[in-house]
């Protein structure tokens, strides 16, 4: 977990004003502790992504919430798919083969 100052130092192009604006818009979450606002690794990665989208790709501020929501959905689906594959991998070989046969029908 990183303080606000540590977070800003880890994200090129991030200023205190930008960070607070993006937290206020709900684009990134923080946890309030007695140390103040703290951010996790995933928050730092998201802040880097937002900076890249805004600064390098020049994505309009009004489009950014939609893009972030779609990316969140994609990552959520990837987590679900990974969990499904882990569940399949834990099954006996005959069951795995039947499942895989349904997923990848012969051509």
PDB file of N, CA and C in Angstrom:
ATOM      1  N   UNK A   1       0.852  -1.178   0.000  1.00  0.00           N
ATOM      2  CA  UNK A   1       0.000   0.000   0.000  1.00  0.00           C
ATOM      3  C   UNK A   1       0.897   1.242   0.000  1.00  0.00           C
ATOM      4  N   UNK A   2       0.441   2.238  -0.737  1.00  0.00           N
ATOM      5  CA  UNK A   2       1.243   3.435  -0.936  1.00  0.00           C
ATOM      6  C   UNK A   2       0.480   4.676  -0.472  1.00  0.00           C
ATOM      7  N   UNK A   3       1.206   5.605   0.109  1.00  0.00           N
ATOM      8  CA  UNK A   3       0.625   6.892   0.474  1.00  0.00           C
ATOM      9  C   UNK A   3       0.348   7.685  -0.794  1.00  0.00           C
ATOM     10  N   UNK A   4      -0.328   8.796  -0.654  1.00  0.00           N
ATOM     11  CA  UNK A   4      -0.600   9.653  -1.803  1.00  0.00           C
ATOM     12  C   UNK A   4       0.709  10.102  -2.455  1.00  0.00           C
ATOM     13  N   UNK A   5       1.670  10.518  -1.647  1.00  0.00           N
ATOM     14  CA  UNK A   5       2.959  10.975  -2.178  1.00  0.00           C
ATOM     15  C   UNK A   5       3.696   9.847  -2.896  1.00  0.00           C
ATOM     16  N   UNK A   6       3.710   8.658  -2.297  1.00  0.00           N
ATOM     17  CA  UNK A   6       4.362   7.510  -2.939  1.00  0.00           C
ATOM     18  C   UNK A   6       3.669   7.147  -4.250  1.00  0.00           C
ATOM     19  N   UNK A   7       2.356   7.212  -4.243  1.00  0.00           N
ATOM     20  CA  UNK A   7       1.581   6.887  -5.441  1.00  0.00           C
ATOM     21  C   UNK A   7       1.913   7.858  -6.564  1.00  0.00           C
ATOM     22  N   UNK A   8       1.928   9.131  -6.257  1.00  0.00           N
ATOM     23  CA  UNK A   8       2.224  10.154  -7.268  1.00  0.00           C
ATOM     24  C   UNK A   8       3.631   9.956  -7.828  1.00  0.00           C
ATOM     25  N   UNK A   9       4.575   9.590  -6.963  1.00  0.00           N
ATOM     26  CA  UNK A   9       5.955   9.396  -7.437  1.00  0.00           C
ATOM     27  C   UNK A   9       6.084   8.170  -8.339  1.00  0.00           C
ATOM     28  N   UNK A  10       5.159   7.236  -8.248  1.00  0.00           N
ATOM     29  CA  UNK A  10       5.217   6.002  -9.051  1.00  0.00           C
ATOM     30  C   UNK A  10       4.515   6.131 -10.403  1.00  0.00           C
ATOM     31  N   UNK A  11       3.787   7.207 -10.614  1.00  0.00           N
ATOM     32  CA  UNK A  11       2.988   7.341 -11.840  1.00  0.00           C
ATOM     33  C   UNK A  11       3.414   8.603 -12.588  1.00  0.00           C
ATOM     34  N   UNK A  12       4.153   8.435 -13.684  1.00  0.00           N
ATOM     35  CA  UNK A  12       4.555   9.601 -14.470  1.00  0.00           C
ATOM     36  C   UNK A  12       3.341  10.381 -14.971  1.00  0.00           C
ATOM     37  N   UNK A  13       3.387  11.687 -14.821  1.00  0.00           N
ATOM     38  CA  UNK A  13       2.299  12.543 -15.286  1.00  0.00           C
ATOM     39  C   UNK A  13       1.186  12.747 -14.284  1.00  0.00           C
ATOM     40  N   UNK A  14       1.297  12.105 -13.125  1.00  0.00           N
ATOM     41  CA  UNK A  14       0.244  12.233 -12.111  1.00  0.00           C
ATOM     42  C   UNK A  14       0.600  13.350 -11.139  1.00  0.00           C
ATOM     43  N   UNK A  15      -0.346  14.235 -10.914  1.00  0.00           N
ATOM     44  CA  UNK A  15      -0.182  15.322  -9.940  1.00  0.00           C
ATOM     45  C   UNK A  15      -1.171  15.108  -8.802  1.00  0.00           C
ATOM     46  N   UNK A  16      -0.960  15.779  -7.682  1.00  0.00           N
ATOM     47  CA  UNK A  16      -1.942  15.663  -6.584  1.00  0.00           C
ATOM     48  C   UNK A  16      -3.346  16.077  -7.020  1.00  0.00           C
ATOM     49  N   UNK A  17      -3.432  17.115  -7.860  1.00  0.00           N
ATOM     50  CA  UNK A  17      -4.744  17.591  -8.317  1.00  0.00           C
ATOM     51  C   UNK A  17      -5.431  16.538  -9.189  1.00  0.00           C
ATOM     52  N   UNK A  18      -4.673  15.951 -10.099  1.00  0.00           N
ATOM     53  CA  UNK A  18      -5.241  14.904 -10.947  1.00  0.00           C
ATOM     54  C   UNK A  18      -5.689  13.717 -10.108  1.00  0.00           C
ATOM     55  N   UNK A  19      -4.848  13.303  -9.190  1.00  0.00           N
ATOM     56  CA  UNK A  19      -5.177  12.152  -8.355  1.00  0.00           C
ATOM     57  C   UNK A  19      -6.482  12.395  -7.611  1.00  0.00           C
ATOM     58  N   UNK A  20      -6.600  13.542  -6.972  1.00  0.00           N
ATOM     59  CA  UNK A  20      -7.816  13.822  -6.193  1.00  0.00           C
ATOM     60  C   UNK A  20      -9.046  13.950  -7.086  1.00  0.00           C
ATOM     61  N   UNK A  21      -8.866  14.523  -8.281  1.00  0.00           N
ATOM     62  CA  UNK A  21      -9.993  14.635  -9.216  1.00  0.00           C
ATOM     63  C   UNK A  21     -10.463  13.247  -9.654  1.00  0.00           C
ATOM     64  N   UNK A  22      -9.518  12.357  -9.925  1.00  0.00           N
ATOM     65  CA  UNK A  22      -9.864  11.019 -10.397  1.00  0.00           C
ATOM     66  C   UNK A  22     -10.466  10.171  -9.290  1.00  0.00           C
ATOM     67  N   UNK A  23     -10.009  10.387  -8.061  1.00  0.00           N
ATOM     68  CA  UNK A  23     -10.641   9.708  -6.919  1.00  0.00           C
ATOM     69  C   UNK A  23     -12.072  10.224  -6.766  1.00  0.00           C
ATOM     70  N   UNK A  24     -12.252  11.541  -6.861  1.00  0.00           N
ATOM     71  CA  UNK A  24     -13.588  12.144  -6.724  1.00  0.00           C
ATOM     72  C   UNK A  24     -14.542  11.643  -7.811  1.00  0.00           C
ATOM     73  N   UNK A  25     -14.017  11.396  -9.018  1.00  0.00           N
ATOM     74  CA  UNK A  25     -14.857  10.897 -10.115  1.00  0.00           C
ATOM     75  C   UNK A  25     -15.114   9.397 -10.014  1.00  0.00           C
ATOM     76  N   UNK A  26     -14.422   8.729  -9.100  1.00  0.00           N
ATOM     77  CA  UNK A  26     -14.608   7.298  -8.936  1.00  0.00           C
ATOM     78  C   UNK A  26     -13.805   6.468  -9.925  1.00  0.00           C
ATOM     79  N   UNK A  27     -12.851   7.079 -10.622  1.00  0.00           N
ATOM     80  CA  UNK A  27     -12.026   6.352 -11.581  1.00  0.00           C
ATOM     81  C   UNK A  27     -11.008   5.468 -10.885  1.00  0.00           C
ATOM     82  N   UNK A  28     -10.660   5.830  -9.666  1.00  0.00           N
ATOM     83  CA  UNK A  28      -9.723   5.041  -8.858  1.00  0.00           C
ATOM     84  C   UNK A  28     -10.191   5.143  -7.415  1.00  0.00           C
ATOM     85  N   UNK A  29      -9.941   4.085  -6.650  1.00  0.00           N
ATOM     86  CA  UNK A  29     -10.395   4.045  -5.261  1.00  0.00           C
ATOM     87  C   UNK A  29      -9.198   4.199  -4.330  1.00  0.00           C
ATOM     88  N   UNK A  30      -9.466   4.723  -3.167  1.00  0.00           N
ATOM     89  CA  UNK A  30      -8.433   4.796  -2.144  1.00  0.00           C
ATOM     90  C   UNK A  30      -9.043   4.305  -0.842  1.00  0.00           C
ATOM     91  N   UNK A  31      -8.160   4.029   0.104  1.00  0.00           N
ATOM     92  CA  UNK A  31      -8.596   3.651   1.442  1.00  0.00           C
ATOM     93  C   UNK A  31      -8.106   4.742   2.384  1.00  0.00           C
ATOM     94  N   UNK A  32      -8.989   5.195   3.240  1.00  0.00           N
ATOM     95  CA  UNK A  32      -8.622   6.226   4.203  1.00  0.00           C
ATOM     96  C   UNK A  32      -8.200   5.540   5.503  1.00  0.00           C
ATOM     97  N   UNK A  33      -6.995   5.863   5.945  1.00  0.00           N
ATOM     98  CA  UNK A  33      -6.471   5.325   7.199  1.00  0.00           C
ATOM     99  C   UNK A  33      -5.963   6.490   8.040  1.00  0.00           C
ATOM    100  N   UNK A  34      -5.418   6.167   9.196  1.00  0.00           N
ATOM    101  CA  UNK A  34      -4.835   7.238  10.006  1.00  0.00           C
ATOM    102  C   UNK A  34      -3.619   7.862   9.316  1.00  0.00           C
ATOM    103  N   UNK A  35      -3.022   7.133   8.360  1.00  0.00           N
ATOM    104  CA  UNK A  35      -1.920   7.673   7.553  1.00  0.00           C
ATOM    105  C   UNK A  35      -2.424   8.591   6.447  1.00  0.00           C
ATOM    106  N   UNK A  36      -3.720   8.619   6.230  1.00  0.00           N
ATOM    107  CA  UNK A  36      -4.295   9.379   5.121  1.00  0.00           C
ATOM    108  C   UNK A  36      -4.771   8.440   4.036  1.00  0.00           C
ATOM    109  N   UNK A  37      -4.850   8.957   2.822  1.00  0.00           N
ATOM    110  CA  UNK A  37      -5.273   8.139   1.684  1.00  0.00           C
ATOM    111  C   UNK A  37      -4.162   7.179   1.312  1.00  0.00           C
ATOM    112  N   UNK A  38      -4.523   5.918   1.094  1.00  0.00           N
ATOM    113  CA  UNK A  38      -3.540   4.952   0.607  1.00  0.00           C
ATOM    114  C   UNK A  38      -4.101   4.232  -0.613  1.00  0.00           C
ATOM    115  N   UNK A  39      -3.177   3.767  -1.440  1.00  0.00           N
ATOM    116  CA  UNK A  39      -3.522   3.143  -2.699  1.00  0.00           C
ATOM    117  C   UNK A  39      -2.760   1.833  -2.828  1.00  0.00           C
ATOM    118  N   UNK A  40      -3.385   0.847  -3.435  1.00  0.00           N
ATOM    119  CA  UNK A  40      -2.751  -0.446  -3.657  1.00  0.00           C
ATOM    120  C   UNK A  40      -2.076  -0.503  -5.022  1.00  0.00           C
ATOM    121  N   UNK A  41      -1.399  -1.628  -5.272  1.00  0.00           N
ATOM    122  CA  UNK A  41      -0.721  -1.833  -6.562  1.00  0.00           C
ATOM    123  C   UNK A  41      -1.693  -1.714  -7.723  1.00  0.00           C
ATOM    124  N   UNK A  42      -2.886  -2.266  -7.558  1.00  0.00           N
ATOM    125  CA  UNK A  42      -3.867  -2.219  -8.648  1.00  0.00           C
ATOM    126  C   UNK A  42      -4.296  -0.790  -8.924  1.00  0.00           C
ATOM    127  N   UNK A  43      -4.370   0.026  -7.885  1.00  0.00           N
ATOM    128  CA  UNK A  43      -4.724   1.432  -8.063  1.00  0.00           C
ATOM    129  C   UNK A  43      -3.632   2.166  -8.827  1.00  0.00           C
ATOM    130  N   UNK A  44      -2.378   1.865  -8.493  1.00  0.00           N
ATOM    131  CA  UNK A  44      -1.248   2.484  -9.195  1.00  0.00           C
ATOM    132  C   UNK A  44      -1.270   2.087 -10.667  1.00  0.00           C
ATOM    133  N   UNK A  45      -1.541   0.814 -10.945  1.00  0.00           N
ATOM    134  CA  UNK A  45      -1.625   0.359 -12.340  1.00  0.00           C
ATOM    135  C   UNK A  45      -2.762   1.073 -13.067  1.00  0.00           C
ATOM    136  N   UNK A  46      -3.887   1.231 -12.408  1.00  0.00           N
ATOM    137  CA  UNK A  46      -5.029   1.913 -13.025  1.00  0.00           C
ATOM    138  C   UNK A  46      -4.696   3.383 -13.285  1.00  0.00           C
ATOM    139  N   UNK A  47      -4.002   4.010 -12.344  1.00  0.00           N
ATOM    140  CA  UNK A  47      -3.600   5.403 -12.535  1.00  0.00           C
ATOM    141  C   UNK A  47      -2.642   5.542 -13.718  1.00  0.00           C
ATOM    142  N   UNK A  48      -1.723   4.596 -13.853  1.00  0.00           N
ATOM    143  CA  UNK A  48      -0.823   4.611 -15.023  1.00  0.00           C
ATOM    144  C   UNK A  48      -1.634   4.495 -16.316  1.00  0.00           C
ATOM    145  N   UNK A  49      -2.612   3.596 -16.313  1.00  0.00           N
ATOM    146  CA  UNK A  49      -3.468   3.422 -17.484  1.00  0.00           C
ATOM    147  C   UNK A  49      -4.212   4.714 -17.807  1.00  0.00           C
ATOM    148  N   UNK A  50      -4.789   5.341 -16.808  1.00  0.00           N
ATOM    149  CA  UNK A  50      -5.537   6.583 -17.029  1.00  0.00           C
ATOM    150  C   UNK A  50      -4.613   7.660 -17.584  1.00  0.00           C
ATOM    151  N   UNK A  51      -3.417   7.784 -17.028  1.00  0.00           N
ATOM    152  CA  UNK A  51      -2.451   8.768 -17.552  1.00  0.00           C
ATOM    153  C   UNK A  51      -2.106   8.467 -19.005  1.00  0.00           C
ATOM    154  N   UNK A  52      -1.905   7.200 -19.323  1.00  0.00           N
ATOM    155  CA  UNK A  52      -1.592   6.827 -20.705  1.00  0.00           C
ATOM    156  C   UNK A  52      -2.760   7.176 -21.625  1.00  0.00           C
ATOM    157  N   UNK A  53      -3.962   6.835 -21.205  1.00  0.00           N
ATOM    158  CA  UNK A  53      -5.135   7.122 -22.029  1.00  0.00           C
ATOM    159  C   UNK A  53      -5.309   8.625 -22.245  1.00  0.00           C
ATOM    160  N   UNK A  54      -5.123   9.401 -21.195  1.00  0.00           N
ATOM    161  CA  UNK A  54      -5.326  10.855 -21.287  1.00  0.00           C
ATOM    162  C   UNK A  54      -4.170  11.546 -22.001  1.00  0.00           C
ATOM    163  N   UNK A  55      -2.929  11.232 -21.613  1.00  0.00           N
ATOM    164  CA  UNK A  55      -1.780  11.994 -22.090  1.00  0.00           C
ATOM    165  C   UNK A  55      -1.234  11.494 -23.422  1.00  0.00           C
ATOM    166  N   UNK A  56      -1.070  10.207 -23.548  1.00  0.00           N
ATOM    167  CA  UNK A  56      -0.463   9.659 -24.765  1.00  0.00           C
ATOM    168  C   UNK A  56      -1.493   9.402 -25.855  1.00  0.00           C
ATOM    169  N   UNK A  57      -2.635   8.869 -25.465  1.00  0.00           N
ATOM    170  CA  UNK A  57      -3.652   8.527 -26.457  1.00  0.00           C
ATOM    171  C   UNK A  57      -4.684   9.636 -26.639  1.00  0.00           C
ATOM    172  N   UNK A  58      -4.631  10.636 -25.769  1.00  0.00           N
ATOM    173  CA  UNK A  58      -5.508  11.803 -25.814  1.00  0.00           C
ATOM    174  C   UNK A  58      -6.993  11.439 -25.843  1.00  0.00           C
ATOM    175  N   UNK A  59      -7.354  10.462 -25.019  1.00  0.00           N
ATOM    176  CA  UNK A  59      -8.756  10.071 -24.882  1.00  0.00           C
ATOM    177  C   UNK A  59      -9.501  11.189 -24.164  1.00  0.00           C
ATOM    178  N   UNK A  60     -10.622  11.563 -24.711  1.00  0.00           N
ATOM    179  CA  UNK A  60     -11.437  12.630 -24.135  1.00  0.00           C
ATOM    180  C   UNK A  60     -11.905  12.241 -22.735  1.00  0.00           C
ATOM    181  N   UNK A  61     -11.905  13.199 -21.843  1.00  0.00           N
ATOM    182  CA  UNK A  61     -12.301  12.951 -20.449  1.00  0.00           C
ATOM    183  C   UNK A  61     -13.703  12.372 -20.348  1.00  0.00           C
ATOM    184  N   UNK A  62     -14.597  12.782 -21.252  1.00  0.00           N
ATOM    185  CA  UNK A  62     -15.973  12.289 -21.200  1.00  0.00           C
ATOM    186  C   UNK A  62     -16.078  10.823 -21.637  1.00  0.00           C
ATOM    187  N   UNK A  63     -15.127  10.346 -22.436  1.00  0.00           N
ATOM    188  CA  UNK A  63     -15.142   8.955 -22.886  1.00  0.00           C
ATOM    189  C   UNK A  63     -14.466   8.016 -21.893  1.00  0.00           C
ATOM    190  N   UNK A  64     -13.630   8.569 -21.052  1.00  0.00           N
ATOM    191  CA  UNK A  64     -12.835   7.735 -20.149  1.00  0.00           C
ATOM    192  C   UNK A  64     -13.670   6.858 -19.218  1.00  0.00           C
ATOM    193  N   UNK A  65     -14.745   7.339 -18.610  1.00  0.00           N
ATOM    194  CA  UNK A  65     -15.526   6.445 -17.735  1.00  0.00           C
ATOM    195  C   UNK A  65     -16.061   5.216 -18.475  1.00  0.00           C
ATOM    196  N   UNK A  66     -16.486   5.402 -19.716  1.00  0.00           N
ATOM    197  CA  UNK A  66     -16.989   4.269 -20.499  1.00  0.00           C
ATOM    198  C   UNK A  66     -15.865   3.283 -20.787  1.00  0.00           C
ATOM    199  N   UNK A  67     -14.702   3.805 -21.166  1.00  0.00           N
ATOM    200  CA  UNK A  67     -13.558   2.928 -21.442  1.00  0.00           C
ATOM    201  C   UNK A  67     -13.152   2.161 -20.191  1.00  0.00           C
ATOM    202  N   UNK A  68     -13.103   2.837 -19.058  1.00  0.00           N
ATOM    203  CA  UNK A  68     -12.712   2.170 -17.815  1.00  0.00           C
ATOM    204  C   UNK A  68     -13.727   1.098 -17.430  1.00  0.00           C
ATOM    205  N   UNK A  69     -14.998   1.397 -17.626  1.00  0.00           N
ATOM    206  CA  UNK A  69     -16.042   0.416 -17.311  1.00  0.00           C
ATOM    207  C   UNK A  69     -15.904  -0.824 -18.200  1.00  0.00           C
ATOM    208  N   UNK A  70     -15.657  -0.612 -19.488  1.00  0.00           N
ATOM    209  CA  UNK A  70     -15.478  -1.742 -20.405  1.00  0.00           C
ATOM    210  C   UNK A  70     -14.234  -2.550 -20.045  1.00  0.00           C
ATOM    211  N   UNK A  71     -13.154  -1.879 -19.718  1.00  0.00           N
ATOM    212  CA  UNK A  71     -11.941  -2.586 -19.302  1.00  0.00           C
ATOM    213  C   UNK A  71     -12.180  -3.378 -18.021  1.00  0.00           C
ATOM    214  N   UNK A  72     -12.916  -2.800 -17.081  1.00  0.00           N
ATOM    215  CA  UNK A  72     -13.251  -3.524 -15.848  1.00  0.00           C
ATOM    216  C   UNK A  72     -14.052  -4.784 -16.166  1.00  0.00           C
ATOM    217  N   UNK A  73     -14.978  -4.684 -17.114  1.00  0.00           N
ATOM    218  CA  UNK A  73     -15.769  -5.847 -17.506  1.00  0.00           C
ATOM    219  C   UNK A  73     -14.887  -6.913 -18.145  1.00  0.00           C
ATOM    220  N   UNK A  74     -13.968  -6.494 -18.992  1.00  0.00           N
ATOM    221  CA  UNK A  74     -13.055  -7.447 -19.628  1.00  0.00           C
ATOM    222  C   UNK A  74     -12.221  -8.164 -18.579  1.00  0.00           C
ATOM    223  N   UNK A  75     -11.646  -7.420 -17.637  1.00  0.00           N
ATOM    224  CA  UNK A  75     -10.836  -8.047 -16.595  1.00  0.00           C
ATOM    225  C   UNK A  75     -11.673  -8.968 -15.715  1.00  0.00           C
ATOM    226  N   UNK A  76     -12.924  -8.577 -15.452  1.00  0.00           N
ATOM    227  CA  UNK A  76     -13.812  -9.440 -14.687  1.00  0.00           C
ATOM    228  C   UNK A  76     -14.094 -10.746 -15.410  1.00  0.00           C
ATOM    229  N   UNK A  77     -14.328 -10.651 -16.704  1.00  0.00           N
ATOM    230  CA  UNK A  77     -14.562 -11.860 -17.499  1.00  0.00           C
ATOM    231  C   UNK A  77     -13.320 -12.745 -17.546  1.00  0.00           C
ATOM    232  N   UNK A  78     -12.157 -12.132 -17.612  1.00  0.00           N
ATOM    233  CA  UNK A  78     -10.910 -12.916 -17.604  1.00  0.00           C
ATOM    234  C   UNK A  78     -10.758 -13.668 -16.284  1.00  0.00           C
ATOM    235  N   UNK A  79     -11.101 -13.011 -15.170  1.00  0.00           N
ATOM    236  CA  UNK A  79     -11.031 -13.692 -13.864  1.00  0.00           C
ATOM    237  C   UNK A  79     -11.994 -14.873 -13.823  1.00  0.00           C
ATOM    238  N   UNK A  80     -13.208 -14.677 -14.336  1.00  0.00           N
ATOM    239  CA  UNK A  80     -14.195 -15.754 -14.355  1.00  0.00           C
ATOM    240  C   UNK A  80     -13.729 -16.905 -15.246  1.00  0.00           C
ATOM    241  N   UNK A  81     -13.169 -16.581 -16.399  1.00  0.00           N
ATOM    242  CA  UNK A  81     -12.674 -17.611 -17.302  1.00  0.00           C
ATOM    243  C   UNK A  81     -11.530 -18.394 -16.662  1.00  0.00           C
ATOM    244  N   UNK A  82     -10.622 -17.688 -15.992  1.00  0.00           N
ATOM    245  CA  UNK A  82      -9.509 -18.361 -15.304  1.00  0.00           C
ATOM    246  C   UNK A  82     -10.044 -19.310 -14.229  1.00  0.00           C
ATOM    247  N   UNK A  83     -11.040 -18.867 -13.480  1.00  0.00           N
ATOM    248  CA  UNK A  83     -11.624 -19.715 -12.437  1.00  0.00           C
ATOM    249  C   UNK A  83     -12.309 -20.943 -13.056  1.00  0.00           C
ATOM    250  N   UNK A  84     -12.968 -20.736 -14.193  1.00  0.00           N
ATOM    251  CA  UNK A  84     -13.618 -21.853 -14.878  1.00  0.00           C
ATOM    252  C   UNK A  84     -12.579 -22.866 -15.344  1.00  0.00           C
ATOM    253  N   UNK A  85     -11.480 -22.378 -15.937  1.00  0.00           N
ATOM    254  CA  UNK A  85     -10.430 -23.285 -16.399  1.00  0.00           C
ATOM    255  C   UNK A  85      -9.787 -24.029 -15.239  1.00  0.00           C
ATOM    256  N   UNK A  86      -9.626 -23.369 -14.110  1.00  0.00           N
ATOM    257  CA  UNK A  86      -9.065 -24.044 -12.937  1.00  0.00           C
ATOM    258  C   UNK A  86     -10.004 -25.137 -12.445  1.00  0.00           C
ATOM    259  N   UNK A  87     -11.307 -24.857 -12.484  1.00  0.00           N
ATOM    260  CA  UNK A  87     -12.284 -25.869 -12.070  1.00  0.00           C
ATOM    261  C   UNK A  87     -12.272 -27.060 -13.018  1.00  0.00           C
ATOM    262  N   UNK A  88     -12.179 -26.789 -14.310  1.00  0.00           N
ATOM    263  CA  UNK A  88     -12.117 -27.871 -15.293  1.00  0.00           C
ATOM    264  C   UNK A  88     -10.843 -28.685 -15.092  1.00  0.00           C
ATOM    265  N   UNK A  89      -9.727 -28.013 -14.873  1.00  0.00           N
ATOM    266  CA  UNK A  89      -8.445 -28.704 -14.692  1.00  0.00           C
ATOM    267  C   UNK A  89      -8.457 -29.608 -13.466  1.00  0.00           C
ATOM    268  N   UNK A  90      -9.289 -29.314 -12.488  1.00  0.00           N
ATOM    269  CA  UNK A  90      -9.353 -30.118 -11.266  1.00  0.00           C
ATOM    270  C   UNK A  90     -10.203 -31.380 -11.443  1.00  0.00           C
ATOM    271  N   UNK A  91     -10.917 -31.477 -12.551  1.00  0.00           N
ATOM    272  CA  UNK A  91     -11.781 -32.629 -12.797  1.00  0.00           C
ATOM    273  C   UNK A  91     -10.962 -33.797 -13.345  1.00  0.00           C
ATOM    274  N   UNK A  92     -11.497 -35.012 -13.213  1.00  0.00           N
ATOM    275  CA  UNK A  92     -10.820 -36.176 -13.805  1.00  0.00           C
ATOM    276  C   UNK A  92     -10.678 -36.013 -15.318  1.00  0.00           C
ATOM    277  N   UNK A  93      -9.708 -36.729 -15.883  1.00  0.00           N
ATOM    278  CA  UNK A  93      -9.375 -36.567 -17.297  1.00  0.00           C
ATOM    279  C   UNK A  93     -10.563 -36.813 -18.221  1.00  0.00           C
ATOM    280  N   UNK A  94     -11.378 -37.821 -17.944  1.00  0.00           N
ATOM    281  CA  UNK A  94     -12.508 -38.102 -18.834  1.00  0.00           C
ATOM    282  C   UNK A  94     -13.505 -36.944 -18.862  1.00  0.00           C
ATOM    283  N   UNK A  95     -13.724 -36.355 -17.733  1.00  0.00           N
ATOM    284  CA  UNK A  95     -14.645 -35.203 -17.681  1.00  0.00           C
ATOM    285  C   UNK A  95     -14.022 -34.005 -18.392  1.00  0.00           C
ATOM    286  N   UNK A  96     -12.727 -33.749 -18.158  1.00  0.00           N
ATOM    287  CA  UNK A  96     -12.034 -32.650 -18.856  1.00  0.00           C
ATOM    288  C   UNK A  96     -12.143 -32.830 -20.367  1.00  0.00           C
ATOM    289  N   UNK A  97     -11.929 -34.060 -20.825  1.00  0.00           N
ATOM    290  CA  UNK A  97     -11.990 -34.316 -22.268  1.00  0.00           C
ATOM    291  C   UNK A  97     -13.389 -34.065 -22.832  1.00  0.00           C
ATOM    292  N   UNK A  98     -14.415 -34.456 -22.094  1.00  0.00           N
ATOM    293  CA  UNK A  98     -15.791 -34.211 -22.553  1.00  0.00           C
ATOM    294  C   UNK A  98     -16.073 -32.708 -22.611  1.00  0.00           C
ATOM    295  N   UNK A  99     -15.620 -31.987 -21.594  1.00  0.00           N
ATOM    296  CA  UNK A  99     -15.831 -30.529 -21.587  1.00  0.00           C
ATOM    297  C   UNK A  99     -15.083 -29.892 -22.754  1.00  0.00           C
ATOM    298  N   UNK A 100     -13.849 -30.253 -22.926  1.00  0.00           N
ATOM    299  CA  UNK A 100     -13.049 -29.676 -24.014  1.00  0.00           C
ATOM    300  C   UNK A 100     -13.626 -30.024 -25.386  1.00  0.00           C
ATOM    301  N   UNK A 101     -14.180 -31.226 -25.516  1.00  0.00           N
ATOM    302  CA  UNK A 101     -14.804 -31.614 -26.785  1.00  0.00           C
ATOM    303  C   UNK A 101     -15.995 -30.715 -27.118  1.00  0.00           C
ATOM    304  N   UNK A 102     -16.718 -30.295 -26.096  1.00  0.00           N
ATOM    305  CA  UNK A 102     -17.857 -29.400 -26.324  1.00  0.00           C
ATOM    306  C   UNK A 102     -17.413 -27.976 -26.629  1.00  0.00           C
ATOM    307  N   UNK A 103     -16.289 -27.585 -26.047  1.00  0.00           N
ATOM    308  CA  UNK A 103     -15.770 -26.236 -26.283  1.00  0.00           C
ATOM    309  C   UNK A 103     -15.128 -26.144 -27.658  1.00  0.00           C
ATOM    310  N   UNK A 104     -14.367 -27.186 -28.024  1.00  0.00           N
ATOM    311  CA  UNK A 104     -13.632 -27.195 -29.288  1.00  0.00           C
ATOM    312  C   UNK A 104     -14.120 -28.348 -30.162  1.00  0.00           C
ATOM    313  N   UNK A 105     -15.312 -28.196 -30.764  1.00  0.00           N
ATOM    314  CA  UNK A 105     -15.822 -29.285 -31.592  1.00  0.00           C
ATOM    315  C   UNK A 105     -14.863 -29.551 -32.755  1.00  0.00           C
ATOM    316  N   UNK A 106     -14.813 -30.811 -33.184  1.00  0.00           N
ATOM    317  CA  UNK A 106     -13.904 -31.159 -34.282  1.00  0.00           C
ATOM    318  C   UNK A 106     -14.307 -30.424 -35.550  1.00  0.00           C
ATOM    319  N   UNK A 107     -13.296 -30.086 -36.307  1.00  0.00           N
ATOM    320  CA  UNK A 107     -13.520 -29.254 -37.509  1.00  0.00           C
ATOM    321  C   UNK A 107     -13.866 -30.093 -38.702  1.00  0.00           C
TER     322      UNK A 107
END
